[in-house]
Amino acid sequence: MNEFQQIESRSNAQVKHARSVRNGQEPGLIFIEGKRLVGEAVAASLRMRTLFVTEAVRQDMAHE
């Protein structure tokens, strides 16, 4: 599923939730960051709730 939503504020609810996951405040969820780690998660068929990407990465994905 390729559903993109542009985030324009640090106070966005999804960004706040990601921050709490990153800070270890959400039991059972992990925060991964970086192309290599995301690639490994995809290769391992891990289920992802949310994926944040830059505009450049989004454009690359659209061309694949």
PDB file of N, CA and C in Angstrom:
ATOM      1  N   MET A   1       0.850  -1.174   0.000  1.00  0.00           N
ATOM      2  CA  MET A   1       0.000   0.000   0.000  1.00  0.00           C
ATOM      3  C   MET A   1       0.893   1.233   0.000  1.00  0.00           C
ATOM      4  N   ASN A   2       0.720   2.095  -0.962  1.00  0.00           N
ATOM      5  CA  ASN A   2       1.516   3.313  -1.061  1.00  0.00           C
ATOM      6  C   ASN A   2       0.631   4.518  -0.817  1.00  0.00           C
ATOM      7  N   GLU A   3       0.425   4.810   0.431  1.00  0.00           N
ATOM      8  CA  GLU A   3      -0.401   5.946   0.806  1.00  0.00           C
ATOM      9  C   GLU A   3       0.502   6.983   1.452  1.00  0.00           C
ATOM     10  N   PHE A   4       0.647   8.137   0.818  1.00  0.00           N
ATOM     11  CA  PHE A   4       1.545   9.160   1.322  1.00  0.00           C
ATOM     12  C   PHE A   4       0.761  10.331   1.883  1.00  0.00           C
ATOM     13  N   GLN A   5       1.222  10.831   3.011  1.00  0.00           N
ATOM     14  CA  GLN A   5       0.656  12.015   3.636  1.00  0.00           C
ATOM     15  C   GLN A   5       1.818  12.932   3.972  1.00  0.00           C
ATOM     16  N   GLN A   6       1.800  14.127   3.446  1.00  0.00           N
ATOM     17  CA  GLN A   6       2.881  15.060   3.718  1.00  0.00           C
ATOM     18  C   GLN A   6       2.710  15.638   5.117  1.00  0.00           C
ATOM     19  N   ILE A   7       3.780  15.612   5.885  1.00  0.00           N
ATOM     20  CA  ILE A   7       3.756  16.148   7.240  1.00  0.00           C
ATOM     21  C   ILE A   7       4.456  17.495   7.229  1.00  0.00           C
ATOM     22  N   GLU A   8       3.781  18.476   7.768  1.00  0.00           N
ATOM     23  CA  GLU A   8       4.325  19.827   7.731  1.00  0.00           C
ATOM     24  C   GLU A   8       4.579  20.417   9.108  1.00  0.00           C
ATOM     25  N   SER A   9       4.348  19.633  10.165  1.00  0.00           N
ATOM     26  CA  SER A   9       4.499  20.177  11.508  1.00  0.00           C
ATOM     27  C   SER A   9       5.097  19.141  12.443  1.00  0.00           C
ATOM     28  N   ARG A  10       5.974  19.591  13.312  1.00  0.00           N
ATOM     29  CA  ARG A  10       6.548  18.694  14.315  1.00  0.00           C
ATOM     30  C   ARG A  10       5.506  18.288  15.350  1.00  0.00           C
ATOM     31  N   SER A  11       4.391  19.013  15.395  1.00  0.00           N
ATOM     32  CA  SER A  11       3.339  18.691  16.357  1.00  0.00           C
ATOM     33  C   SER A  11       2.319  17.712  15.775  1.00  0.00           C
ATOM     34  N   ASN A  12       2.584  17.175  14.589  1.00  0.00           N
ATOM     35  CA  ASN A  12       1.739  16.170  13.967  1.00  0.00           C
ATOM     36  C   ASN A  12       1.617  14.959  14.890  1.00  0.00           C
ATOM     37  N   ALA A  13       0.427  14.406  15.021  1.00  0.00           N
ATOM     38  CA  ALA A  13       0.180  13.284  15.933  1.00  0.00           C
ATOM     39  C   ALA A  13       1.056  12.078  15.608  1.00  0.00           C
ATOM     40  N   GLN A  14       1.274  11.794  14.329  1.00  0.00           N
ATOM     41  CA  GLN A  14       2.118  10.650  13.959  1.00  0.00           C
ATOM     42  C   GLN A  14       3.573  10.884  14.364  1.00  0.00           C
ATOM     43  N   VAL A  15       4.037  12.106  14.224  1.00  0.00           N
ATOM     44  CA  VAL A  15       5.405  12.435  14.615  1.00  0.00           C
ATOM     45  C   VAL A  15       5.551  12.313  16.130  1.00  0.00           C
ATOM     46  N   LYS A  16       4.565  12.792  16.861  1.00  0.00           N
ATOM     47  CA  LYS A  16       4.596  12.680  18.326  1.00  0.00           C
ATOM     48  C   LYS A  16       4.621  11.211  18.759  1.00  0.00           C
ATOM     49  N   HIS A  17       3.820  10.376  18.100  1.00  0.00           N
ATOM     50  CA  HIS A  17       3.791   8.956  18.428  1.00  0.00           C
ATOM     51  C   HIS A  17       5.142   8.307  18.109  1.00  0.00           C
ATOM     52  N   ALA A  18       5.719   8.640  16.962  1.00  0.00           N
ATOM     53  CA  ALA A  18       7.028   8.085  16.589  1.00  0.00           C
ATOM     54  C   ALA A  18       8.074   8.474  17.623  1.00  0.00           C
ATOM     55  N   ARG A  19       8.013   9.692  18.110  1.00  0.00           N
ATOM     56  CA  ARG A  19       8.953  10.145  19.129  1.00  0.00           C
ATOM     57  C   ARG A  19       8.809   9.324  20.406  1.00  0.00           C
ATOM     58  N   SER A  20       7.567   9.023  20.784  1.00  0.00           N
ATOM     59  CA  SER A  20       7.361   8.234  22.002  1.00  0.00           C
ATOM     60  C   SER A  20       7.847   6.797  21.810  1.00  0.00           C
ATOM     61  N   VAL A  21       7.702   6.248  20.594  1.00  0.00           N
ATOM     62  CA  VAL A  21       8.240   4.910  20.301  1.00  0.00           C
ATOM     63  C   VAL A  21       9.765   4.963  20.383  1.00  0.00           C
ATOM     64  N   ARG A  22      10.359   5.965  19.759  1.00  0.00           N
ATOM     65  CA  ARG A  22      11.822   6.118  19.770  1.00  0.00           C
ATOM     66  C   ARG A  22      12.364   6.223  21.199  1.00  0.00           C
ATOM     67  N   ASN A  23      11.593   6.876  22.065  1.00  0.00           N
ATOM     68  CA  ASN A  23      12.021   7.081  23.448  1.00  0.00           C
ATOM     69  C   ASN A  23      11.685   5.913  24.365  1.00  0.00           C
ATOM     70  N   GLY A  24      11.181   4.819  23.784  1.00  0.00           N
ATOM     71  CA  GLY A  24      10.912   3.610  24.560  1.00  0.00           C
ATOM     72  C   GLY A  24       9.660   3.670  25.405  1.00  0.00           C
ATOM     73  N   GLN A  25       8.750   4.554  25.064  1.00  0.00           N
ATOM     74  CA  GLN A  25       7.527   4.734  25.844  1.00  0.00           C
ATOM     75  C   GLN A  25       6.338   3.938  25.305  1.00  0.00           C
ATOM     76  N   GLU A  26       6.569   3.130  24.288  1.00  0.00           N
ATOM     77  CA  GLU A  26       5.504   2.328  23.678  1.00  0.00           C
ATOM     78  C   GLU A  26       5.919   0.857  23.683  1.00  0.00           C
ATOM     79  N   PRO A  27       5.533   0.120  24.723  1.00  0.00           N
ATOM     80  CA  PRO A  27       5.928  -1.293  24.808  1.00  0.00           C
ATOM     81  C   PRO A  27       5.483  -2.081  23.568  1.00  0.00           C
ATOM     82  N   GLY A  28       6.363  -2.931  23.095  1.00  0.00           N
ATOM     83  CA  GLY A  28       6.035  -3.781  21.956  1.00  0.00           C
ATOM     84  C   GLY A  28       6.318  -3.155  20.607  1.00  0.00           C
ATOM     85  N   LEU A  29       6.724  -1.884  20.581  1.00  0.00           N
ATOM     86  CA  LEU A  29       7.038  -1.213  19.319  1.00  0.00           C
ATOM     87  C   LEU A  29       8.496  -0.801  19.320  1.00  0.00           C
ATOM     88  N   ILE A  30       9.107  -0.819  18.145  1.00  0.00           N
ATOM     89  CA  ILE A  30      10.483  -0.363  18.022  1.00  0.00           C
ATOM     90  C   ILE A  30      10.563   0.712  16.954  1.00  0.00           C
ATOM     91  N   PHE A  31      11.555   1.559  17.084  1.00  0.00           N
ATOM     92  CA  PHE A  31      11.809   2.643  16.144  1.00  0.00           C
ATOM     93  C   PHE A  31      13.108   2.304  15.432  1.00  0.00           C
ATOM     94  N   ILE A  32      13.058   2.201  14.121  1.00  0.00           N
ATOM     95  CA  ILE A  32      14.292   1.967  13.364  1.00  0.00           C
ATOM     96  C   ILE A  32      14.490   3.145  12.427  1.00  0.00           C
ATOM     97  N   GLU A  33      15.747   3.376  12.107  1.00  0.00           N
ATOM     98  CA  GLU A  33      16.069   4.554  11.325  1.00  0.00           C
ATOM     99  C   GLU A  33      17.229   4.234  10.400  1.00  0.00           C
ATOM    100  N   GLY A  34      17.129   4.712   9.191  1.00  0.00           N
ATOM    101  CA  GLY A  34      18.212   4.534   8.238  1.00  0.00           C
ATOM    102  C   GLY A  34      17.885   3.516   7.165  1.00  0.00           C
ATOM    103  N   LYS A  35      18.446   3.745   5.998  1.00  0.00           N
ATOM    104  CA  LYS A  35      18.162   2.923   4.829  1.00  0.00           C
ATOM    105  C   LYS A  35      18.510   1.452   5.052  1.00  0.00           C
ATOM    106  N   ARG A  36      19.683   1.185   5.650  1.00  0.00           N
ATOM    107  CA  ARG A  36      20.109  -0.201   5.846  1.00  0.00           C
ATOM    108  C   ARG A  36      19.184  -0.940   6.799  1.00  0.00           C
ATOM    109  N   LEU A  37      18.863  -0.330   7.939  1.00  0.00           N
ATOM    110  CA  LEU A  37      18.000  -1.005   8.912  1.00  0.00           C
ATOM    111  C   LEU A  37      16.580  -1.205   8.378  1.00  0.00           C
ATOM    112  N   VAL A  38      16.072  -0.222   7.662  1.00  0.00           N
ATOM    113  CA  VAL A  38      14.734  -0.381   7.071  1.00  0.00           C
ATOM    114  C   VAL A  38      14.771  -1.503   6.040  1.00  0.00           C
ATOM    115  N   GLY A  39      15.823  -1.552   5.242  1.00  0.00           N
ATOM    116  CA  GLY A  39      15.969  -2.634   4.264  1.00  0.00           C
ATOM    117  C   GLY A  39      16.007  -4.002   4.925  1.00  0.00           C
ATOM    118  N   GLU A  40      16.705  -4.108   6.045  1.00  0.00           N
ATOM    119  CA  GLU A  40      16.760  -5.374   6.773  1.00  0.00           C
ATOM    120  C   GLU A  40      15.389  -5.738   7.337  1.00  0.00           C
ATOM    121  N   ALA A  41      14.650  -4.756   7.813  1.00  0.00           N
ATOM    122  CA  ALA A  41      13.302  -5.013   8.342  1.00  0.00           C
ATOM    123  C   ALA A  41      12.376  -5.504   7.235  1.00  0.00           C
ATOM    124  N   VAL A  42      12.480  -4.904   6.065  1.00  0.00           N
ATOM    125  CA  VAL A  42      11.663  -5.336   4.921  1.00  0.00           C
ATOM    126  C   VAL A  42      12.049  -6.761   4.528  1.00  0.00           C
ATOM    127  N   ALA A  43      13.347  -7.031   4.461  1.00  0.00           N
ATOM    128  CA  ALA A  43      13.821  -8.370   4.084  1.00  0.00           C
ATOM    129  C   ALA A  43      13.360  -9.428   5.082  1.00  0.00           C
ATOM    130  N   ALA A  44      13.205  -9.039   6.345  1.00  0.00           N
ATOM    131  CA  ALA A  44      12.763  -9.967   7.387  1.00  0.00           C
ATOM    132  C   ALA A  44      11.240 -10.039   7.480  1.00  0.00           C
ATOM    133  N   SER A  45      10.551  -9.343   6.589  1.00  0.00           N
ATOM    134  CA  SER A  45       9.079  -9.313   6.546  1.00  0.00           C
ATOM    135  C   SER A  45       8.462  -8.794   7.841  1.00  0.00           C
ATOM    136  N   LEU A  46       9.154  -7.854   8.489  1.00  0.00           N
ATOM    137  CA  LEU A  46       8.580  -7.248   9.685  1.00  0.00           C
ATOM    138  C   LEU A  46       7.422  -6.342   9.299  1.00  0.00           C
ATOM    139  N   ARG A  47       6.406  -6.332  10.122  1.00  0.00           N
ATOM    140  CA  ARG A  47       5.238  -5.487   9.877  1.00  0.00           C
ATOM    141  C   ARG A  47       5.544  -4.074  10.348  1.00  0.00           C
ATOM    142  N   MET A  48       5.330  -3.109   9.476  1.00  0.00           N
ATOM    143  CA  MET A  48       5.583  -1.707   9.814  1.00  0.00           C
ATOM    144  C   MET A  48       4.261  -0.974   9.914  1.00  0.00           C
ATOM    145  N   ARG A  49       4.126  -0.215  10.970  1.00  0.00           N
ATOM    146  CA  ARG A  49       2.919   0.613  11.130  1.00  0.00           C
ATOM    147  C   ARG A  49       3.020   1.881  10.321  1.00  0.00           C
ATOM    148  N   THR A  50       4.143   2.545  10.440  1.00  0.00           N
ATOM    149  CA  THR A  50       4.342   3.830   9.783  1.00  0.00           C
ATOM    150  C   THR A  50       5.769   3.909   9.285  1.00  0.00           C
ATOM    151  N   LEU A  51       5.940   4.481   8.117  1.00  0.00           N
ATOM    152  CA  LEU A  51       7.262   4.683   7.546  1.00  0.00           C
ATOM    153  C   LEU A  51       7.360   6.152   7.141  1.00  0.00           C
ATOM    154  N   PHE A  52       8.322   6.843   7.701  1.00  0.00           N
ATOM    155  CA  PHE A  52       8.554   8.233   7.348  1.00  0.00           C
ATOM    156  C   PHE A  52       9.693   8.278   6.351  1.00  0.00           C
ATOM    157  N   VAL A  53       9.503   8.986   5.253  1.00  0.00           N
ATOM    158  CA  VAL A  53      10.539   9.121   4.231  1.00  0.00           C
ATOM    159  C   VAL A  53      10.653  10.579   3.807  1.00  0.00           C
ATOM    160  N   THR A  54      11.814  10.916   3.297  1.00  0.00           N
ATOM    161  CA  THR A  54      12.004  12.259   2.758  1.00  0.00           C
ATOM    162  C   THR A  54      11.322  12.347   1.392  1.00  0.00           C
ATOM    163  N   GLU A  55      11.167  13.550   0.905  1.00  0.00           N
ATOM    164  CA  GLU A  55      10.560  13.747  -0.414  1.00  0.00           C
ATOM    165  C   GLU A  55      11.406  13.070  -1.494  1.00  0.00           C
ATOM    166  N   ALA A  56      12.722  13.124  -1.376  1.00  0.00           N
ATOM    167  CA  ALA A  56      13.602  12.492  -2.366  1.00  0.00           C
ATOM    168  C   ALA A  56      13.380  10.984  -2.407  1.00  0.00           C
ATOM    169  N   VAL A  57      13.249  10.354  -1.260  1.00  0.00           N
ATOM    170  CA  VAL A  57      13.011   8.907  -1.208  1.00  0.00           C
ATOM    171  C   VAL A  57      11.640   8.585  -1.789  1.00  0.00           C
ATOM    172  N   ARG A  58      10.641   9.395  -1.474  1.00  0.00           N
ATOM    173  CA  ARG A  58       9.295   9.175  -2.008  1.00  0.00           C
ATOM    174  C   ARG A  58       9.318   9.213  -3.535  1.00  0.00           C
ATOM    175  N   GLN A  59      10.035  10.161  -4.092  1.00  0.00           N
ATOM    176  CA  GLN A  59      10.128  10.272  -5.551  1.00  0.00           C
ATOM    177  C   GLN A  59      10.837   9.054  -6.139  1.00  0.00           C
ATOM    178  N   ASP A  60      11.886   8.592  -5.477  1.00  0.00           N
ATOM    179  CA  ASP A  60      12.586   7.383  -5.943  1.00  0.00           C
ATOM    180  C   ASP A  60      11.647   6.188  -5.935  1.00  0.00           C
ATOM    181  N   MET A  61      10.844   6.063  -4.891  1.00  0.00           N
ATOM    182  CA  MET A  61       9.893   4.953  -4.788  1.00  0.00           C
ATOM    183  C   MET A  61       8.849   5.017  -5.899  1.00  0.00           C
ATOM    184  N   ALA A  62       8.441   6.205  -6.275  1.00  0.00           N
ATOM    185  CA  ALA A  62       7.441   6.380  -7.323  1.00  0.00           C
ATOM    186  C   ALA A  62       7.964   5.947  -8.691  1.00  0.00           C
ATOM    187  N   HIS A  63       9.275   6.014  -8.857  1.00  0.00           N
ATOM    188  CA  HIS A  63       9.884   5.669 -10.154  1.00  0.00           C
ATOM    189  C   HIS A  63      10.246   4.196 -10.258  1.00  0.00           C
ATOM    190  N   GLU A  64      10.077   3.440  -9.201  1.00  0.00           N
ATOM    191  CA  GLU A  64      10.426   2.006  -9.236  1.00  0.00           C
ATOM    192  C   GLU A  64       9.288   1.181  -9.785  1.00  0.00           C
TER     193      GLU A  64
END
